[in-house]
């Protein structure tokens, strides 16, 4: 029997806690910077609070909207989001990159819109192609072609983090839909060789790669951002310096309220605080995968998996960058980092996920998502 009344309240609670912690940490990390730039210490926190309210309203609305109604718009939304990926390249750059479209007082990252649109499109398409996914041609076209085109546009911005995350989403959803492992190997092997040649033969982004390799040996030998991030985390020790008492945000750590807010959190709240953040994301992921496993149909199953996987992987990639395990990518920490685009589109995904949870039921082990045991 399908329960159409109650959303997954534990999932919603995890999101509310993350947003609340994010608001506090954005204020703590940005107050001095905001005063220096704007003469108003709460400028960034105030904007983040506005986006938090908008995001919460969006969650409530989409929780009530049947997710099946979105399916017929999947291709249209994908095409529109592709258009934004092209358009952003013609907008003025910000700090040397073309990642934002600014329309009056509002700016947003098209990559966030594209990510959600791609998940919706793949959930719709894979639902109708699931019996053919063991044939290579149905893996290559259209999914890898779409990803390849998007990756080229994103590297023009450039936005390596978005490429990594989209790649993880595409391969994750294809795997859950039944794609053979050998097909992944056929695709990944030439890509790895191509990247190696591009970096070490033609020198594309070689200095950044060398900085990353140095940081793997010793994080203090990496880039300036990496060094300051690791120093901030290590100085937090077990319990942290205390809320508002961090030193890295005093113009040592670049972007302490955006991409590196996890470092600020680790410094002020310590290992326990930073570990607590990851635990919240792990619980969110477990609830999301459970929703996917119990979804009333394959479309809901794949949609829930894609949304959950994208948020969870986004958090892991951001944390990996902050602790020095991954090169700097410019990917925000979902719900924590300052920025309206990330929070708003993540909230849209959570709203859809909660609606799927309202229409779930226990399903037999033959369902798609049971193949990976979640």
Protein backbone atom coordinates (compact mmCIF):
# COMPACT_ATOMS: atom_id res chain seq x y z
CA UNK A 1 0.00 0.00 0.00
CA UNK A 2 1.35 3.44 -0.97
CA UNK A 3 1.52 6.02 1.80
CA UNK A 4 0.70 9.42 0.31
CA UNK A 5 0.58 11.38 3.54
CA UNK A 6 3.91 11.48 5.38
CA UNK A 7 7.28 12.54 3.96
CA UNK A 8 10.54 11.25 5.41
CA UNK A 9 10.84 13.50 8.46
CA UNK A 10 14.34 12.27 9.38
CA UNK A 11 15.64 13.34 5.96
CA UNK A 12 13.96 16.72 6.37
CA UNK A 13 15.46 17.10 9.85
CA UNK A 14 18.98 16.46 8.51
CA UNK A 15 18.50 19.15 5.88
CA UNK A 16 17.14 21.66 8.40
CA UNK A 17 20.10 21.07 10.71
CA UNK A 18 22.58 21.48 7.84
CA UNK A 19 20.95 24.74 6.74
CA UNK A 20 20.92 26.06 10.32
CA UNK A 21 24.57 25.16 10.87
CA UNK A 22 25.39 26.70 7.50
CA UNK A 23 23.77 30.01 8.46
CA UNK A 24 25.75 30.17 11.70
CA UNK A 25 29.03 29.25 10.02
CA UNK A 26 28.51 31.64 7.10
CA UNK A 27 28.07 34.48 9.57
CA UNK A 28 31.09 33.42 11.60
CA UNK A 29 33.28 32.95 8.52
CA UNK A 30 32.18 36.06 6.63
CA UNK A 31 31.56 38.79 9.23
CA UNK A 32 35.02 40.37 9.02
CA UNK A 33 35.19 39.95 5.24
CA UNK A 34 31.72 41.50 4.83
CA UNK A 35 32.68 44.45 7.01
CA UNK A 36 35.85 44.98 4.99
CA UNK A 37 34.05 44.83 1.62
CA UNK A 38 30.64 46.30 2.40
CA UNK A 39 30.82 47.94 5.81
CA UNK A 40 28.16 45.52 7.06
CA UNK A 41 29.20 42.43 8.99
CA UNK A 42 25.93 40.56 8.35
CA UNK A 43 25.74 41.20 4.59
CA UNK A 44 26.62 37.66 3.51
CA UNK A 45 24.69 36.03 6.36
CA UNK A 46 21.61 38.11 5.55
CA UNK A 47 21.67 37.04 1.90
CA UNK A 48 22.21 33.42 2.92
CA UNK A 49 19.21 33.66 5.27
CA UNK A 50 17.04 34.96 2.42
CA UNK A 51 18.09 32.05 0.21
CA UNK A 52 17.46 29.67 3.10
CA UNK A 53 13.86 30.90 3.40
CA UNK A 54 13.34 30.63 -0.38
CA UNK A 55 14.82 27.13 -0.33
CA UNK A 56 12.62 25.98 2.56
CA UNK A 57 9.52 27.27 0.79
CA UNK A 58 10.63 25.41 -2.36
CA UNK A 59 11.02 22.20 -0.37
CA UNK A 60 7.50 22.55 1.07
CA UNK A 61 5.99 23.22 -2.36
CA UNK A 62 7.74 20.35 -4.16
CA UNK A 63 6.92 17.95 -1.33
CA UNK A 64 3.26 18.46 -2.32
CA UNK A 65 3.81 18.26 -6.13
CA UNK A 66 3.61 14.73 -7.57
CA UNK A 67 7.07 14.02 -8.96
CA UNK A 68 5.54 12.17 -11.94
CA UNK A 69 4.38 15.54 -13.30
CA UNK A 70 8.01 16.56 -13.76
CA UNK A 71 8.79 13.65 -16.06
CA UNK A 72 7.22 15.16 -19.17
CA UNK A 73 9.37 18.29 -18.81
CA UNK A 74 12.68 16.42 -18.44
CA UNK A 75 13.95 16.92 -22.00
CA UNK A 76 12.82 20.54 -22.15
CA UNK A 77 14.57 21.37 -18.86
CA UNK A 78 17.75 19.64 -20.07
CA UNK A 79 17.76 21.70 -23.27
CA UNK A 80 17.15 24.96 -21.38
CA UNK A 81 19.93 24.17 -18.90
CA UNK A 82 22.28 23.41 -21.83
CA UNK A 83 21.43 26.83 -23.21
CA UNK A 84 22.45 28.41 -19.90
CA UNK A 85 25.77 26.53 -19.96
CA UNK A 86 26.49 28.16 -23.32
CA UNK A 87 25.15 31.59 -22.32
CA UNK A 88 27.27 31.85 -19.17
CA UNK A 89 30.43 31.90 -21.28
CA UNK A 90 29.36 35.28 -22.70
CA UNK A 91 28.73 36.92 -19.33
CA UNK A 92 31.45 38.93 -17.57
CA UNK A 93 33.91 36.77 -15.65
CA UNK A 94 34.10 36.86 -11.86
CA UNK A 95 37.58 36.28 -10.39
CA UNK A 96 38.75 34.96 -13.75
CA UNK A 97 35.99 32.38 -14.27
CA UNK A 98 32.66 32.39 -16.12
CA UNK A 99 30.41 30.44 -13.76
CA UNK A 100 27.64 32.89 -12.93
CA UNK A 101 24.82 34.50 -14.87
CA UNK A 102 23.89 37.79 -13.27
CA UNK A 103 20.44 39.21 -13.92
CA UNK A 104 19.97 42.39 -11.91
CA UNK A 105 20.48 41.63 -8.22
CA UNK A 106 20.22 37.87 -8.78
CA UNK A 107 23.04 35.61 -9.96
CA UNK A 108 23.09 31.85 -10.32
CA UNK A 109 25.33 29.04 -11.52
CA UNK A 110 23.94 27.23 -14.60
CA UNK A 111 25.92 24.13 -13.59
CA UNK A 112 23.59 23.65 -10.61
CA UNK A 113 20.52 23.87 -12.84
CA UNK A 114 22.08 21.47 -15.36
CA UNK A 115 22.91 18.93 -12.65
CA UNK A 116 19.30 18.63 -11.50
CA UNK A 117 17.98 18.65 -15.09
CA UNK A 118 20.39 15.87 -16.07
CA UNK A 119 19.25 13.70 -13.14
CA UNK A 120 15.61 14.22 -14.10
CA UNK A 121 16.30 13.43 -17.77
CA UNK A 122 18.35 10.31 -17.00
CA UNK A 123 15.73 9.01 -14.56
CA UNK A 124 13.07 9.39 -17.26
CA UNK A 125 15.17 7.98 -20.09
CA UNK A 126 16.68 5.06 -18.17
CA UNK A 127 13.23 4.02 -16.99
CA UNK A 128 12.22 3.38 -20.60
CA UNK A 129 15.58 1.88 -21.64
CA UNK A 130 16.45 -0.28 -18.65
CA UNK A 131 16.17 -3.54 -20.62
CA UNK A 132 18.72 -2.26 -23.17
CA UNK A 133 21.36 -0.87 -20.82
CA UNK A 134 23.52 -3.99 -21.16
CA UNK A 135 24.20 -2.99 -24.77
CA UNK A 136 27.08 -0.54 -25.17
CA UNK A 137 25.43 1.65 -27.82
CA UNK A 138 22.62 2.52 -25.41
CA UNK A 139 25.19 3.62 -22.84
CA UNK A 140 27.23 5.70 -25.28
CA UNK A 141 24.20 7.46 -26.77
CA UNK A 142 22.82 9.69 -25.45
CA UNK A 143 24.20 9.73 -21.91
CA UNK A 144 27.94 9.89 -22.47
CA UNK A 145 27.47 12.23 -25.43
CA UNK A 146 25.45 14.60 -23.23
CA UNK A 147 28.04 14.38 -20.47
CA UNK A 148 30.88 14.98 -22.92
CA UNK A 149 29.24 18.09 -24.36
CA UNK A 150 28.51 19.45 -20.90
CA UNK A 151 32.06 18.69 -19.72
CA UNK A 152 33.54 20.68 -22.61
CA UNK A 153 31.35 23.70 -21.77
CA UNK A 154 32.12 23.42 -18.04
CA UNK A 155 35.87 23.24 -18.65
CA UNK A 156 35.53 26.45 -20.68
CA UNK A 157 34.30 28.24 -17.53
CA UNK A 158 36.45 26.47 -16.05
CA UNK A 159 34.68 24.36 -13.41
CA UNK A 160 36.51 21.10 -12.72
CA UNK A 161 34.41 20.31 -9.66
CA UNK A 162 31.17 20.34 -11.64
CA UNK A 163 32.71 18.00 -14.24
CA UNK A 164 33.81 15.54 -11.55
CA UNK A 165 30.41 15.60 -9.88
CA UNK A 166 28.45 15.23 -13.12
CA UNK A 167 30.70 12.35 -14.15
CA UNK A 168 30.03 10.60 -10.84
CA UNK A 169 26.28 11.13 -11.24
CA UNK A 170 26.18 9.82 -14.82
CA UNK A 171 28.24 6.71 -14.06
CA UNK A 172 26.38 6.11 -10.81
CA UNK A 173 22.95 6.21 -12.43
CA UNK A 174 24.11 4.09 -15.39
CA UNK A 175 25.52 1.48 -13.00
CA UNK A 176 22.29 1.31 -11.00
CA UNK A 177 20.34 0.99 -14.26
CA UNK A 178 22.29 -2.16 -15.15
CA UNK A 179 25.25 -1.09 -17.30
CA UNK A 180 28.02 -3.70 -17.49
CA UNK A 181 31.31 -3.04 -15.69
CA UNK A 182 33.30 -3.81 -18.86
CA UNK A 183 31.50 -0.96 -20.64
CA UNK A 184 32.69 1.44 -17.96
CA UNK A 185 36.25 0.19 -18.41
CA UNK A 186 36.06 0.70 -22.17
CA UNK A 187 35.03 4.31 -21.54
CA UNK A 188 37.27 5.17 -18.59
CA UNK A 189 40.57 3.77 -19.92
CA UNK A 190 40.91 6.15 -22.92
CA UNK A 191 39.71 9.08 -20.80
CA UNK A 192 42.47 8.47 -18.22
CA UNK A 193 45.10 8.18 -20.98
CA UNK A 194 43.78 11.34 -22.63
CA UNK A 195 43.92 13.34 -19.39
CA UNK A 196 47.47 12.12 -18.72
CA UNK A 197 48.63 13.21 -22.19
CA UNK A 198 46.79 16.53 -21.91
CA UNK A 199 48.45 17.38 -18.59
CA UNK A 200 51.93 15.91 -18.81
CA UNK A 201 52.56 16.17 -22.57
CA UNK A 202 50.75 19.37 -23.50
CA UNK A 203 51.00 20.96 -20.04
CA UNK A 204 47.29 21.75 -19.54
CA UNK A 205 46.82 22.75 -15.85
CA UNK A 206 50.15 21.07 -15.08
CA UNK A 207 51.10 23.49 -12.25
CA UNK A 208 47.82 22.77 -10.44
CA UNK A 209 48.35 19.02 -10.84
CA UNK A 210 51.93 19.34 -9.54
CA UNK A 211 50.67 21.32 -6.53
CA UNK A 212 48.16 18.58 -5.87
CA UNK A 213 50.80 15.84 -6.09
CA UNK A 214 53.00 17.79 -3.67
CA UNK A 215 50.07 18.14 -1.27
CA UNK A 216 49.55 14.37 -1.34
CA UNK A 217 53.13 13.99 -0.10
CA UNK A 218 52.75 16.81 2.42
CA UNK A 219 49.67 19.10 2.51
CA UNK A 220 51.81 22.05 3.63
CA UNK A 221 53.72 21.84 0.33
CA UNK A 222 50.59 22.23 -1.77
CA UNK A 223 48.92 25.39 -3.10
CA UNK A 224 48.34 28.39 -0.85
CA UNK A 225 44.64 27.53 -0.50
CA UNK A 226 45.43 23.92 0.38
CA UNK A 227 48.07 24.92 2.92
CA UNK A 228 45.78 27.38 4.69
CA UNK A 229 42.89 24.91 4.65
CA UNK A 230 44.93 22.13 6.25
CA UNK A 231 46.39 24.54 8.82
CA UNK A 232 42.88 25.69 9.75
CA UNK A 233 41.65 22.13 10.19
CA UNK A 234 44.66 21.00 12.19
CA UNK A 235 44.48 24.00 14.53
CA UNK A 236 40.91 23.05 15.47
CA UNK A 237 42.06 19.82 17.15
CA UNK A 238 39.29 17.88 18.91
CA UNK A 239 36.93 20.57 20.20
CA UNK A 240 37.87 23.57 18.08
CA UNK A 241 38.91 27.12 18.87
CA UNK A 242 35.31 28.09 19.57
CA UNK A 243 32.58 29.60 17.44
CA UNK A 244 33.78 32.90 15.99
CA UNK A 245 37.33 32.39 17.30
CA UNK A 246 38.90 31.03 14.11
CA UNK A 247 41.98 32.77 12.72
CA UNK A 248 42.07 31.43 9.16
CA UNK A 249 39.15 33.68 8.13
CA UNK A 250 41.25 36.75 9.00
CA UNK A 251 42.28 37.01 5.32
CA UNK A 252 44.51 33.92 5.46
CA UNK A 253 42.13 31.37 3.97
CA UNK A 254 40.59 32.44 0.63
CA UNK A 255 36.80 32.04 0.44
CA UNK A 256 36.36 30.93 4.07
CA UNK A 257 32.55 31.22 3.74
CA UNK A 258 32.12 29.51 0.36
CA UNK A 259 34.22 26.63 -1.00
CA UNK A 260 36.31 26.31 2.19
CA UNK A 261 33.62 26.74 4.82
CA UNK A 262 34.30 23.17 5.93
CA UNK A 263 37.82 24.25 6.91
CA UNK A 264 36.39 27.15 8.92
CA UNK A 265 33.98 24.72 10.59
CA UNK A 266 36.81 22.34 11.46
CA UNK A 267 38.88 25.14 12.98
CA UNK A 268 36.08 26.56 15.12
CA UNK A 269 34.13 23.40 15.99
CA UNK A 270 37.03 20.96 15.92
CA UNK A 271 37.15 17.36 14.77
CA UNK A 272 33.88 16.58 16.53
CA UNK A 273 32.08 19.38 14.71
CA UNK A 274 33.48 18.58 11.27
CA UNK A 275 32.85 14.86 11.77
CA UNK A 276 29.31 15.68 12.87
CA UNK A 277 28.70 17.45 9.55
CA UNK A 278 29.75 14.36 7.60
CA UNK A 279 27.57 12.17 9.83
CA UNK A 280 24.57 14.35 8.92
CA UNK A 281 25.33 13.81 5.23
CA UNK A 282 25.73 10.06 5.77
CA UNK A 283 22.31 9.90 7.46
CA UNK A 284 20.84 12.00 4.64
CA UNK A 285 22.33 9.57 2.10
CA UNK A 286 21.01 6.50 3.93
CA UNK A 287 17.51 7.97 4.05
CA UNK A 288 17.68 8.99 0.38
CA UNK A 289 18.84 5.56 -0.77
CA UNK A 290 16.14 3.96 1.36
CA UNK A 291 13.56 6.16 -0.36
CA UNK A 292 14.94 5.10 -3.73
CA UNK A 293 14.76 1.41 -2.79
CA UNK A 294 11.12 1.74 -1.75
CA UNK A 295 9.98 4.05 -4.57
CA UNK A 296 6.68 3.10 -6.17
CA UNK A 297 8.18 2.93 -9.69
CA UNK A 298 11.53 2.88 -11.51
CA UNK A 299 11.35 6.57 -12.39
CA UNK A 300 11.02 7.50 -8.72
CA UNK A 301 13.73 5.00 -7.82
CA UNK A 302 16.30 6.45 -10.26
CA UNK A 303 15.28 10.04 -9.53
CA UNK A 304 15.68 9.56 -5.77
CA UNK A 305 19.00 7.79 -6.23
CA UNK A 306 20.36 10.51 -8.54
CA UNK A 307 19.37 13.37 -6.22
CA UNK A 308 20.72 11.64 -3.12
CA UNK A 309 23.95 10.61 -4.84
CA UNK A 310 24.58 14.12 -6.20
CA UNK A 311 24.22 15.80 -2.79
CA UNK A 312 26.26 13.16 -0.99
CA UNK A 313 29.05 13.14 -3.59
CA UNK A 314 29.09 16.94 -3.61
CA UNK A 315 29.71 16.91 0.15
CA UNK A 316 32.43 14.25 -0.13
CA UNK A 317 34.24 16.06 -2.96
CA UNK A 318 34.18 19.36 -1.05
CA UNK A 319 35.47 17.66 2.12
CA UNK A 320 38.11 15.85 0.07
CA UNK A 321 39.38 19.17 -1.29
CA UNK A 322 39.47 20.80 2.15
CA UNK A 323 41.48 17.98 3.75
CA UNK A 324 43.88 17.80 0.80
CA UNK A 325 42.78 14.52 -0.79
CA UNK A 326 41.51 16.18 -3.99
CA UNK A 327 42.70 19.15 -6.05
CA UNK A 328 40.90 22.47 -5.60
CA UNK A 329 37.71 22.26 -7.65
CA UNK A 330 35.47 25.18 -6.69
CA UNK A 331 32.61 22.93 -5.57
CA UNK A 332 30.55 24.17 -2.58
CA UNK A 333 29.51 22.15 0.45
CA UNK A 334 25.74 21.54 -0.02
CA UNK A 335 23.56 23.61 2.34
CA UNK A 336 26.61 24.96 4.23
CA UNK A 337 28.57 27.07 1.74
CA UNK A 338 27.50 30.63 1.02
CA UNK A 339 25.68 30.86 -2.30
CA UNK A 340 22.09 30.83 -3.43
CA UNK A 341 22.42 28.55 -6.47
CA UNK A 342 23.80 25.57 -4.59
CA UNK A 343 21.29 25.83 -1.74
CA UNK A 344 18.27 26.51 -3.96
CA UNK A 345 18.81 23.69 -6.46
CA UNK A 346 19.81 21.26 -3.70
CA UNK A 347 16.57 22.23 -1.93
CA UNK A 348 14.58 21.56 -5.11
CA UNK A 349 16.13 18.10 -5.18
CA UNK A 350 15.24 17.50 -1.52
CA UNK A 351 11.65 18.61 -2.17
CA UNK A 352 11.36 16.09 -5.01
CA UNK A 353 12.97 13.41 -2.83
CA UNK A 354 10.47 14.05 -0.04
CA UNK A 355 7.61 13.75 -2.52
CA UNK A 356 8.98 10.38 -3.66
CA UNK A 357 9.09 9.36 0.01
CA UNK A 358 5.37 10.14 0.32
CA UNK A 359 4.62 7.60 -2.40
CA UNK A 360 6.90 4.76 -1.37
CA UNK A 361 6.24 1.13 -0.66
CA UNK A 362 8.34 -1.92 0.06
CA UNK A 363 9.34 -3.56 -3.19
CA UNK A 364 10.70 -7.01 -4.09
CA UNK A 365 14.46 -7.56 -4.39
CA UNK A 366 14.26 -7.55 -8.19
CA UNK A 367 14.09 -3.76 -8.36
CA UNK A 368 16.89 -1.89 -10.09
CA UNK A 369 18.43 -0.30 -7.05
CA UNK A 370 18.62 -3.52 -5.05
CA UNK A 371 21.53 -4.56 -7.31
CA UNK A 372 23.92 -2.48 -5.20
CA UNK A 373 22.36 -3.48 -1.93
CA UNK A 374 20.72 -0.25 -0.80
